[in-house]
Amino acid sequence: MEIALILSSTALVLALLLQLPRRDARGDGSFRLVEIERRQRLIMEHLGIVDRGPALPGVREHLARGEKIKAIKAYREATGTDLRTAKEAVEAIAAGR
């Protein structure tokens, strides 16, 4: 009787665990999106394509005056990105990439 109870409990736990969504099946496409962007960047670098990006009001003007923090703030306001992404993008713009 106890063995049957233990086996049925174990089977139930295993069945529930199998029903949990796997990490890649959750619909969380952030990893996939990052990978696609990485590959796109590699292709563009290989072909020598320079993406000037969208016209960002104020960003280039602030950079021309040496106001990096204001340029990052303007980039964030224009695109809605987080601080880290904006910083990296502004640094890339400043480097001419």
PDB file of N, CA and C in Angstrom:
ATOM      1  N   MET A   1       0.827  -1.193   0.000  1.00  0.00           N
ATOM      2  CA  MET A   1       0.000   0.000   0.000  1.00  0.00           C
ATOM      3  C   MET A   1       0.868   1.253   0.000  1.00  0.00           C
ATOM      4  N   GLU A   2       1.897   1.284   0.856  1.00  0.00           N
ATOM      5  CA  GLU A   2       2.778   2.449   0.929  1.00  0.00           C
ATOM      6  C   GLU A   2       3.581   2.605  -0.354  1.00  0.00           C
ATOM      7  N   ILE A   3       3.996   1.488  -0.933  1.00  0.00           N
ATOM      8  CA  ILE A   3       4.782   1.529  -2.173  1.00  0.00           C
ATOM      9  C   ILE A   3       3.928   2.090  -3.305  1.00  0.00           C
ATOM     10  N   ALA A   4       2.676   1.684  -3.363  1.00  0.00           N
ATOM     11  CA  ALA A   4       1.780   2.188  -4.401  1.00  0.00           C
ATOM     12  C   ALA A   4       1.558   3.695  -4.242  1.00  0.00           C
ATOM     13  N   LEU A   5       1.449   4.153  -3.014  1.00  0.00           N
ATOM     14  CA  LEU A   5       1.274   5.570  -2.741  1.00  0.00           C
ATOM     15  C   LEU A   5       2.515   6.358  -3.141  1.00  0.00           C
ATOM     16  N   ILE A   6       3.677   5.849  -2.819  1.00  0.00           N
ATOM     17  CA  ILE A   6       4.939   6.510  -3.176  1.00  0.00           C
ATOM     18  C   ILE A   6       5.108   6.555  -4.687  1.00  0.00           C
ATOM     19  N   LEU A   7       4.816   5.438  -5.357  1.00  0.00           N
ATOM     20  CA  LEU A   7       4.948   5.391  -6.816  1.00  0.00           C
ATOM     21  C   LEU A   7       3.961   6.337  -7.503  1.00  0.00           C
ATOM     22  N   SER A   8       2.738   6.373  -7.015  1.00  0.00           N
ATOM     23  CA  SER A   8       1.754   7.259  -7.632  1.00  0.00           C
ATOM     24  C   SER A   8       2.099   8.730  -7.370  1.00  0.00           C
ATOM     25  N   SER A   9       2.616   9.037  -6.199  1.00  0.00           N
ATOM     26  CA  SER A   9       3.039  10.406  -5.892  1.00  0.00           C
ATOM     27  C   SER A   9       4.219  10.812  -6.782  1.00  0.00           C
ATOM     28  N   THR A  10       5.162   9.901  -6.960  1.00  0.00           N
ATOM     29  CA  THR A  10       6.314  10.168  -7.820  1.00  0.00           C
ATOM     30  C   THR A  10       5.870  10.377  -9.262  1.00  0.00           C
ATOM     31  N   ALA A  11       4.952   9.541  -9.717  1.00  0.00           N
ATOM     32  CA  ALA A  11       4.444   9.683 -11.080  1.00  0.00           C
ATOM     33  C   ALA A  11       3.719  11.015 -11.256  1.00  0.00           C
ATOM     34  N   LEU A  12       2.981  11.438 -10.263  1.00  0.00           N
ATOM     35  CA  LEU A  12       2.267  12.714 -10.322  1.00  0.00           C
ATOM     36  C   LEU A  12       3.248  13.884 -10.381  1.00  0.00           C
ATOM     37  N   VAL A  13       4.292  13.834  -9.555  1.00  0.00           N
ATOM     38  CA  VAL A  13       5.299  14.898  -9.552  1.00  0.00           C
ATOM     39  C   VAL A  13       6.000  14.962 -10.904  1.00  0.00           C
ATOM     40  N   LEU A  14       6.363  13.816 -11.447  1.00  0.00           N
ATOM     41  CA  LEU A  14       7.014  13.785 -12.757  1.00  0.00           C
ATOM     42  C   LEU A  14       6.098  14.324 -13.856  1.00  0.00           C
ATOM     43  N   ALA A  15       4.843  13.974 -13.798  1.00  0.00           N
ATOM     44  CA  ALA A  15       3.887  14.465 -14.791  1.00  0.00           C
ATOM     45  C   ALA A  15       3.749  15.982 -14.702  1.00  0.00           C
ATOM     46  N   LEU A  16       3.729  16.514 -13.490  1.00  0.00           N
ATOM     47  CA  LEU A  16       3.644  17.964 -13.318  1.00  0.00           C
ATOM     48  C   LEU A  16       4.911  18.660 -13.805  1.00  0.00           C
ATOM     49  N   LEU A  17       6.065  18.066 -13.527  1.00  0.00           N
ATOM     50  CA  LEU A  17       7.322  18.651 -13.995  1.00  0.00           C
ATOM     51  C   LEU A  17       7.406  18.679 -15.517  1.00  0.00           C
ATOM     52  N   LEU A  18       6.875  17.661 -16.157  1.00  0.00           N
ATOM     53  CA  LEU A  18       6.901  17.614 -17.614  1.00  0.00           C
ATOM     54  C   LEU A  18       5.970  18.657 -18.231  1.00  0.00           C
ATOM     55  N   GLN A  19       4.996  19.113 -17.466  1.00  0.00           N
ATOM     56  CA  GLN A  19       4.069  20.118 -17.963  1.00  0.00           C
ATOM     57  C   GLN A  19       4.622  21.538 -17.876  1.00  0.00           C
ATOM     58  N   LEU A  20       5.700  21.726 -17.087  1.00  0.00           N
ATOM     59  CA  LEU A  20       6.294  23.055 -16.964  1.00  0.00           C
ATOM     60  C   LEU A  20       6.898  23.464 -18.298  1.00  0.00           C
ATOM     61  N   PRO A  21       6.731  24.701 -18.676  1.00  0.00           N
ATOM     62  CA  PRO A  21       7.302  25.142 -19.960  1.00  0.00           C
ATOM     63  C   PRO A  21       8.818  25.174 -19.892  1.00  0.00           C
ATOM     64  N   ARG A  22       9.425  24.751 -20.977  1.00  0.00           N
ATOM     65  CA  ARG A  22      10.876  24.824 -21.040  1.00  0.00           C
ATOM     66  C   ARG A  22      11.272  26.261 -21.298  1.00  0.00           C
ATOM     67  N   ARG A  23      12.523  26.586 -21.001  1.00  0.00           N
ATOM     68  CA  ARG A  23      13.001  27.951 -21.153  1.00  0.00           C
ATOM     69  C   ARG A  23      12.849  28.448 -22.591  1.00  0.00           C
ATOM     70  N   ASP A  24      13.179  27.629 -23.571  1.00  0.00           N
ATOM     71  CA  ASP A  24      13.119  28.075 -24.952  1.00  0.00           C
ATOM     72  C   ASP A  24      11.704  28.048 -25.524  1.00  0.00           C
ATOM     73  N   ALA A  25      10.767  27.451 -24.822  1.00  0.00           N
ATOM     74  CA  ALA A  25       9.397  27.342 -25.348  1.00  0.00           C
ATOM     75  C   ALA A  25       8.460  28.344 -24.689  1.00  0.00           C
ATOM     76  N   ARG A  26       8.992  29.225 -23.868  1.00  0.00           N
ATOM     77  CA  ARG A  26       8.161  30.165 -23.126  1.00  0.00           C
ATOM     78  C   ARG A  26       7.651  31.320 -23.964  1.00  0.00           C
ATOM     79  N   GLY A  27       8.179  31.444 -25.146  1.00  0.00           N
ATOM     80  CA  GLY A  27       7.797  32.594 -25.940  1.00  0.00           C
ATOM     81  C   GLY A  27       8.689  33.782 -25.660  1.00  0.00           C
ATOM     82  N   ASP A  28       9.692  33.586 -24.805  1.00  0.00           N
ATOM     83  CA  ASP A  28      10.636  34.654 -24.504  1.00  0.00           C
ATOM     84  C   ASP A  28      11.636  34.714 -25.641  1.00  0.00           C
ATOM     85  N   GLY A  29      11.423  35.632 -26.547  1.00  0.00           N
ATOM     86  CA  GLY A  29      12.269  35.709 -27.726  1.00  0.00           C
ATOM     87  C   GLY A  29      13.469  36.610 -27.553  1.00  0.00           C
ATOM     88  N   SER A  30      13.762  37.059 -26.324  1.00  0.00           N
ATOM     89  CA  SER A  30      14.860  38.002 -26.136  1.00  0.00           C
ATOM     90  C   SER A  30      16.196  37.395 -26.542  1.00  0.00           C
ATOM     91  N   PHE A  31      16.453  36.148 -26.183  1.00  0.00           N
ATOM     92  CA  PHE A  31      17.719  35.523 -26.574  1.00  0.00           C
ATOM     93  C   PHE A  31      17.791  35.392 -28.086  1.00  0.00           C
ATOM     94  N   ARG A  32      16.703  34.977 -28.687  1.00  0.00           N
ATOM     95  CA  ARG A  32      16.675  34.801 -30.138  1.00  0.00           C
ATOM     96  C   ARG A  32      16.876  36.141 -30.838  1.00  0.00           C
ATOM     97  N   LEU A  33      16.260  37.181 -30.330  1.00  0.00           N
ATOM     98  CA  LEU A  33      16.409  38.500 -30.917  1.00  0.00           C
ATOM     99  C   LEU A  33      17.851  38.988 -30.818  1.00  0.00           C
ATOM    100  N   VAL A  34      18.477  38.780 -29.678  1.00  0.00           N
ATOM    101  CA  VAL A  34      19.878  39.181 -29.504  1.00  0.00           C
ATOM    102  C   VAL A  34      20.765  38.434 -30.490  1.00  0.00           C
ATOM    103  N   GLU A  35      20.504  37.164 -30.676  1.00  0.00           N
ATOM    104  CA  GLU A  35      21.298  36.362 -31.611  1.00  0.00           C
ATOM    105  C   GLU A  35      21.096  36.836 -33.054  1.00  0.00           C
ATOM    106  N   ILE A  36      19.880  37.153 -33.424  1.00  0.00           N
ATOM    107  CA  ILE A  36      19.607  37.660 -34.771  1.00  0.00           C
ATOM    108  C   ILE A  36      20.323  38.991 -34.982  1.00  0.00           C
ATOM    109  N   GLU A  37      20.262  39.871 -33.996  1.00  0.00           N
ATOM    110  CA  GLU A  37      20.942  41.156 -34.118  1.00  0.00           C
ATOM    111  C   GLU A  37      22.452  40.983 -34.219  1.00  0.00           C
ATOM    112  N   ARG A  38      22.999  40.038 -33.470  1.00  0.00           N
ATOM    113  CA  ARG A  38      24.441  39.776 -33.528  1.00  0.00           C
ATOM    114  C   ARG A  38      24.844  39.310 -34.922  1.00  0.00           C
ATOM    115  N   ARG A  39      24.079  38.406 -35.474  1.00  0.00           N
ATOM    116  CA  ARG A  39      24.384  37.902 -36.815  1.00  0.00           C
ATOM    117  C   ARG A  39      24.235  39.002 -37.865  1.00  0.00           C
ATOM    118  N   GLN A  40      23.226  39.822 -37.725  1.00  0.00           N
ATOM    119  CA  GLN A  40      23.038  40.928 -38.659  1.00  0.00           C
ATOM    120  C   GLN A  40      24.225  41.880 -38.601  1.00  0.00           C
ATOM    121  N   ARG A  41      24.694  42.175 -37.392  1.00  0.00           N
ATOM    122  CA  ARG A  41      25.851  43.054 -37.225  1.00  0.00           C
ATOM    123  C   ARG A  41      27.095  42.462 -37.881  1.00  0.00           C
ATOM    124  N   LEU A  42      27.298  41.141 -37.729  1.00  0.00           N
ATOM    125  CA  LEU A  42      28.435  40.474 -38.360  1.00  0.00           C
ATOM    126  C   LEU A  42      28.366  40.578 -39.885  1.00  0.00           C
ATOM    127  N   ILE A  43      27.185  40.377 -40.432  1.00  0.00           N
ATOM    128  CA  ILE A  43      27.012  40.459 -41.884  1.00  0.00           C
ATOM    129  C   ILE A  43      27.301  41.879 -42.368  1.00  0.00           C
ATOM    130  N   MET A  44      26.769  42.865 -41.650  1.00  0.00           N
ATOM    131  CA  MET A  44      26.985  44.249 -42.061  1.00  0.00           C
ATOM    132  C   MET A  44      28.460  44.627 -41.986  1.00  0.00           C
ATOM    133  N   GLU A  45      29.153  44.172 -40.945  1.00  0.00           N
ATOM    134  CA  GLU A  45      30.588  44.446 -40.835  1.00  0.00           C
ATOM    135  C   GLU A  45      31.350  43.776 -41.965  1.00  0.00           C
ATOM    136  N   HIS A  46      30.989  42.550 -42.285  1.00  0.00           N
ATOM    137  CA  HIS A  46      31.659  41.815 -43.358  1.00  0.00           C
ATOM    138  C   HIS A  46      31.481  42.515 -44.702  1.00  0.00           C
ATOM    139  N   LEU A  47      30.307  43.039 -44.945  1.00  0.00           N
ATOM    140  CA  LEU A  47      30.028  43.711 -46.207  1.00  0.00           C
ATOM    141  C   LEU A  47      30.475  45.174 -46.217  1.00  0.00           C
ATOM    142  N   GLY A  48      30.897  45.676 -45.070  1.00  0.00           N
ATOM    143  CA  GLY A  48      31.346  47.053 -44.985  1.00  0.00           C
ATOM    144  C   GLY A  48      30.227  48.068 -44.987  1.00  0.00           C
ATOM    145  N   ILE A  49      29.063  47.652 -44.574  1.00  0.00           N
ATOM    146  CA  ILE A  49      27.899  48.540 -44.544  1.00  0.00           C
ATOM    147  C   ILE A  49      27.913  49.332 -43.243  1.00  0.00           C
ATOM    148  N   VAL A  50      27.790  50.643 -43.360  1.00  0.00           N
ATOM    149  CA  VAL A  50      27.737  51.508 -42.188  1.00  0.00           C
ATOM    150  C   VAL A  50      26.307  51.983 -42.018  1.00  0.00           C
ATOM    151  N   ASP A  51      25.737  51.665 -40.886  1.00  0.00           N
ATOM    152  CA  ASP A  51      24.364  52.075 -40.589  1.00  0.00           C
ATOM    153  C   ASP A  51      24.421  53.381 -39.819  1.00  0.00           C
ATOM    154  N   ARG A  52      23.982  54.429 -40.436  1.00  0.00           N
ATOM    155  CA  ARG A  52      23.972  55.743 -39.775  1.00  0.00           C
ATOM    156  C   ARG A  52      22.828  55.840 -38.773  1.00  0.00           C
ATOM    157  N   GLY A  53      21.917  54.914 -38.835  1.00  0.00           N
ATOM    158  CA  GLY A  53      20.817  54.884 -37.886  1.00  0.00           C
ATOM    159  C   GLY A  53      19.811  55.995 -38.134  1.00  0.00           C
ATOM    160  N   PRO A  54      18.797  56.048 -37.309  1.00  0.00           N
ATOM    161  CA  PRO A  54      17.771  57.072 -37.477  1.00  0.00           C
ATOM    162  C   PRO A  54      18.308  58.452 -37.099  1.00  0.00           C
ATOM    163  N   ALA A  55      17.663  59.453 -37.618  1.00  0.00           N
ATOM    164  CA  ALA A  55      18.022  60.821 -37.241  1.00  0.00           C
ATOM    165  C   ALA A  55      17.592  61.019 -35.797  1.00  0.00           C
ATOM    166  N   LEU A  56      18.543  61.227 -34.935  1.00  0.00           N
ATOM    167  CA  LEU A  56      18.254  61.376 -33.511  1.00  0.00           C
ATOM    168  C   LEU A  56      18.424  62.837 -33.125  1.00  0.00           C
ATOM    169  N   PRO A  57      17.316  63.500 -32.823  1.00  0.00           N
ATOM    170  CA  PRO A  57      17.392  64.925 -32.530  1.00  0.00           C
ATOM    171  C   PRO A  57      18.240  65.208 -31.295  1.00  0.00           C
ATOM    172  N   GLY A  58      19.234  66.044 -31.485  1.00  0.00           N
ATOM    173  CA  GLY A  58      20.051  66.479 -30.354  1.00  0.00           C
ATOM    174  C   GLY A  58      21.256  65.625 -30.053  1.00  0.00           C
ATOM    175  N   VAL A  59      21.251  64.376 -30.411  1.00  0.00           N
ATOM    176  CA  VAL A  59      22.347  63.484 -30.022  1.00  0.00           C
ATOM    177  C   VAL A  59      23.662  63.928 -30.657  1.00  0.00           C
ATOM    178  N   ARG A  60      23.668  64.081 -31.965  1.00  0.00           N
ATOM    179  CA  ARG A  60      24.916  64.476 -32.644  1.00  0.00           C
ATOM    180  C   ARG A  60      25.351  65.885 -32.243  1.00  0.00           C
ATOM    181  N   GLU A  61      24.393  66.759 -32.010  1.00  0.00           N
ATOM    182  CA  GLU A  61      24.731  68.119 -31.590  1.00  0.00           C
ATOM    183  C   GLU A  61      25.413  68.119 -30.226  1.00  0.00           C
ATOM    184  N   HIS A  62      24.876  67.336 -29.292  1.00  0.00           N
ATOM    185  CA  HIS A  62      25.489  67.237 -27.960  1.00  0.00           C
ATOM    186  C   HIS A  62      26.880  66.616 -28.063  1.00  0.00           C
ATOM    187  N   LEU A  63      27.031  65.610 -28.898  1.00  0.00           N
ATOM    188  CA  LEU A  63      28.343  64.997 -29.065  1.00  0.00           C
ATOM    189  C   LEU A  63      29.342  65.980 -29.661  1.00  0.00           C
ATOM    190  N   ALA A  64      28.890  66.797 -30.599  1.00  0.00           N
ATOM    191  CA  ALA A  64      29.776  67.784 -31.218  1.00  0.00           C
ATOM    192  C   ALA A  64      30.283  68.789 -30.193  1.00  0.00           C
ATOM    193  N   ARG A  65      29.469  69.063 -29.176  1.00  0.00           N
ATOM    194  CA  ARG A  65      29.871  69.987 -28.112  1.00  0.00           C
ATOM    195  C   ARG A  65      30.581  69.271 -26.968  1.00  0.00           C
ATOM    196  N   GLY A  66      30.732  67.944 -27.072  1.00  0.00           N
ATOM    197  CA  GLY A  66      31.410  67.184 -26.024  1.00  0.00           C
ATOM    198  C   GLY A  66      30.526  66.868 -24.836  1.00  0.00           C
ATOM    199  N   GLU A  67      29.220  66.942 -25.003  1.00  0.00           N
ATOM    200  CA  GLU A  67      28.266  66.695 -23.918  1.00  0.00           C
ATOM    201  C   GLU A  67      27.716  65.277 -24.026  1.00  0.00           C
ATOM    202  N   LYS A  68      28.530  64.319 -23.621  1.00  0.00           N
ATOM    203  CA  LYS A  68      28.176  62.910 -23.778  1.00  0.00           C
ATOM    204  C   LYS A  68      26.944  62.529 -22.949  1.00  0.00           C
ATOM    205  N   ILE A  69      26.862  63.015 -21.732  1.00  0.00           N
ATOM    206  CA  ILE A  69      25.733  62.662 -20.866  1.00  0.00           C
ATOM    207  C   ILE A  69      24.425  63.201 -21.437  1.00  0.00           C
ATOM    208  N   LYS A  70      24.464  64.436 -21.942  1.00  0.00           N
ATOM    209  CA  LYS A  70      23.264  65.006 -22.558  1.00  0.00           C
ATOM    210  C   LYS A  70      22.902  64.250 -23.834  1.00  0.00           C
ATOM    211  N   ALA A  71      23.919  63.783 -24.558  1.00  0.00           N
ATOM    212  CA  ALA A  71      23.665  62.999 -25.773  1.00  0.00           C
ATOM    213  C   ALA A  71      22.987  61.683 -25.418  1.00  0.00           C
ATOM    214  N   ILE A  72      23.437  61.053 -24.338  1.00  0.00           N
ATOM    215  CA  ILE A  72      22.824  59.797 -23.890  1.00  0.00           C
ATOM    216  C   ILE A  72      21.381  60.043 -23.471  1.00  0.00           C
ATOM    217  N   LYS A  73      21.144  61.136 -22.763  1.00  0.00           N
ATOM    218  CA  LYS A  73      19.787  61.468 -22.340  1.00  0.00           C
ATOM    219  C   LYS A  73      18.888  61.715 -23.555  1.00  0.00           C
ATOM    220  N   ALA A  74      19.398  62.443 -24.542  1.00  0.00           N
ATOM    221  CA  ALA A  74      18.615  62.707 -25.752  1.00  0.00           C
ATOM    222  C   ALA A  74      18.326  61.411 -26.502  1.00  0.00           C
ATOM    223  N   TYR A  75      19.298  60.513 -26.538  1.00  0.00           N
ATOM    224  CA  TYR A  75      19.107  59.224 -27.214  1.00  0.00           C
ATOM    225  C   TYR A  75      18.018  58.425 -26.506  1.00  0.00           C
ATOM    226  N   ARG A  76      18.064  58.395 -25.187  1.00  0.00           N
ATOM    227  CA  ARG A  76      17.048  57.657 -24.426  1.00  0.00           C
ATOM    228  C   ARG A  76      15.663  58.233 -24.642  1.00  0.00           C
ATOM    229  N   GLU A  77      15.553  59.548 -24.676  1.00  0.00           N
ATOM    230  CA  GLU A  77      14.245  60.179 -24.890  1.00  0.00           C
ATOM    231  C   GLU A  77      13.708  59.886 -26.290  1.00  0.00           C
ATOM    232  N   ALA A  78      14.615  59.837 -27.263  1.00  0.00           N
ATOM    233  CA  ALA A  78      14.190  59.605 -28.647  1.00  0.00           C
ATOM    234  C   ALA A  78      13.818  58.153 -28.909  1.00  0.00           C
ATOM    235  N   THR A  79      14.504  57.224 -28.239  1.00  0.00           N
ATOM    236  CA  THR A  79      14.301  55.808 -28.551  1.00  0.00           C
ATOM    237  C   THR A  79      13.586  55.023 -27.464  1.00  0.00           C
ATOM    238  N   GLY A  80      13.630  55.500 -26.240  1.00  0.00           N
ATOM    239  CA  GLY A  80      12.997  54.771 -25.139  1.00  0.00           C
ATOM    240  C   GLY A  80      13.818  53.602 -24.629  1.00  0.00           C
ATOM    241  N   THR A  81      15.105  53.566 -24.974  1.00  0.00           N
ATOM    242  CA  THR A  81      15.956  52.456 -24.535  1.00  0.00           C
ATOM    243  C   THR A  81      16.445  52.670 -23.109  1.00  0.00           C
ATOM    244  N   ASP A  82      17.050  51.619 -22.559  1.00  0.00           N
ATOM    245  CA  ASP A  82      17.590  51.715 -21.211  1.00  0.00           C
ATOM    246  C   ASP A  82      18.938  52.444 -21.245  1.00  0.00           C
ATOM    247  N   LEU A  83      19.462  52.763 -20.090  1.00  0.00           N
ATOM    248  CA  LEU A  83      20.684  53.557 -19.971  1.00  0.00           C
ATOM    249  C   LEU A  83      21.876  52.877 -20.627  1.00  0.00           C
ATOM    250  N   ARG A  84      22.044  51.606 -20.377  1.00  0.00           N
ATOM    251  CA  ARG A  84      23.199  50.882 -20.914  1.00  0.00           C
ATOM    252  C   ARG A  84      23.176  50.861 -22.448  1.00  0.00           C
ATOM    253  N   THR A  85      22.033  50.559 -23.026  1.00  0.00           N
ATOM    254  CA  THR A  85      21.902  50.518 -24.479  1.00  0.00           C
ATOM    255  C   THR A  85      22.156  51.894 -25.077  1.00  0.00           C
ATOM    256  N   ALA A  86      21.615  52.922 -24.433  1.00  0.00           N
ATOM    257  CA  ALA A  86      21.814  54.287 -24.924  1.00  0.00           C
ATOM    258  C   ALA A  86      23.281  54.682 -24.859  1.00  0.00           C
ATOM    259  N   LYS A  87      23.943  54.314 -23.775  1.00  0.00           N
ATOM    260  CA  LYS A  87      25.373  54.640 -23.632  1.00  0.00           C
ATOM    261  C   LYS A  87      26.183  53.970 -24.726  1.00  0.00           C
ATOM    262  N   GLU A  88      25.927  52.694 -24.963  1.00  0.00           N
ATOM    263  CA  GLU A  88      26.658  51.964 -25.998  1.00  0.00           C
ATOM    264  C   GLU A  88      26.385  52.555 -27.382  1.00  0.00           C
ATOM    265  N   ALA A  89      25.141  52.923 -27.636  1.00  0.00           N
ATOM    266  CA  ALA A  89      24.783  53.491 -28.942  1.00  0.00           C
ATOM    267  C   ALA A  89      25.441  54.848 -29.145  1.00  0.00           C
ATOM    268  N   VAL A  90      25.432  55.678 -28.127  1.00  0.00           N
ATOM    269  CA  VAL A  90      26.046  57.008 -28.237  1.00  0.00           C
ATOM    270  C   VAL A  90      27.559  56.869 -28.425  1.00  0.00           C
ATOM    271  N   GLU A  91      28.169  55.932 -27.719  1.00  0.00           N
ATOM    272  CA  GLU A  91      29.606  55.703 -27.907  1.00  0.00           C
ATOM    273  C   GLU A  91      29.906  55.219 -29.321  1.00  0.00           C
ATOM    274  N   ALA A  92      29.024  54.397 -29.858  1.00  0.00           N
ATOM    275  CA  ALA A  92      29.205  53.932 -31.231  1.00  0.00           C
ATOM    276  C   ALA A  92      29.040  55.085 -32.221  1.00  0.00           C
ATOM    277  N   ILE A  93      28.069  55.953 -31.969  1.00  0.00           N
ATOM    278  CA  ILE A  93      27.874  57.116 -32.839  1.00  0.00           C
ATOM    279  C   ILE A  93      29.097  58.020 -32.768  1.00  0.00           C
ATOM    280  N   ALA A  94      29.615  58.216 -31.564  1.00  0.00           N
ATOM    281  CA  ALA A  94      30.787  59.081 -31.386  1.00  0.00           C
ATOM    282  C   ALA A  94      32.020  58.486 -32.087  1.00  0.00           C
ATOM    283  N   ALA A  95      32.097  57.152 -32.119  1.00  0.00           N
ATOM    284  CA  ALA A  95      33.244  56.496 -32.755  1.00  0.00           C
ATOM    285  C   ALA A  95      33.053  56.405 -34.270  1.00  0.00           C
ATOM    286  N   GLY A  96      31.891  56.808 -34.742  1.00  0.00           N
ATOM    287  CA  GLY A  96      31.628  56.780 -36.180  1.00  0.00           C
ATOM    288  C   GLY A  96      31.197  55.448 -36.706  1.00  0.00           C
ATOM    289  N   ARG A  97      30.726  54.550 -35.829  1.00  0.00           N
ATOM    290  CA  ARG A  97      30.243  53.235 -36.263  1.00  0.00           C
ATOM    291  C   ARG A  97      28.783  53.280 -36.564  1.00  0.00           C
TER     292      ARG A  97
END
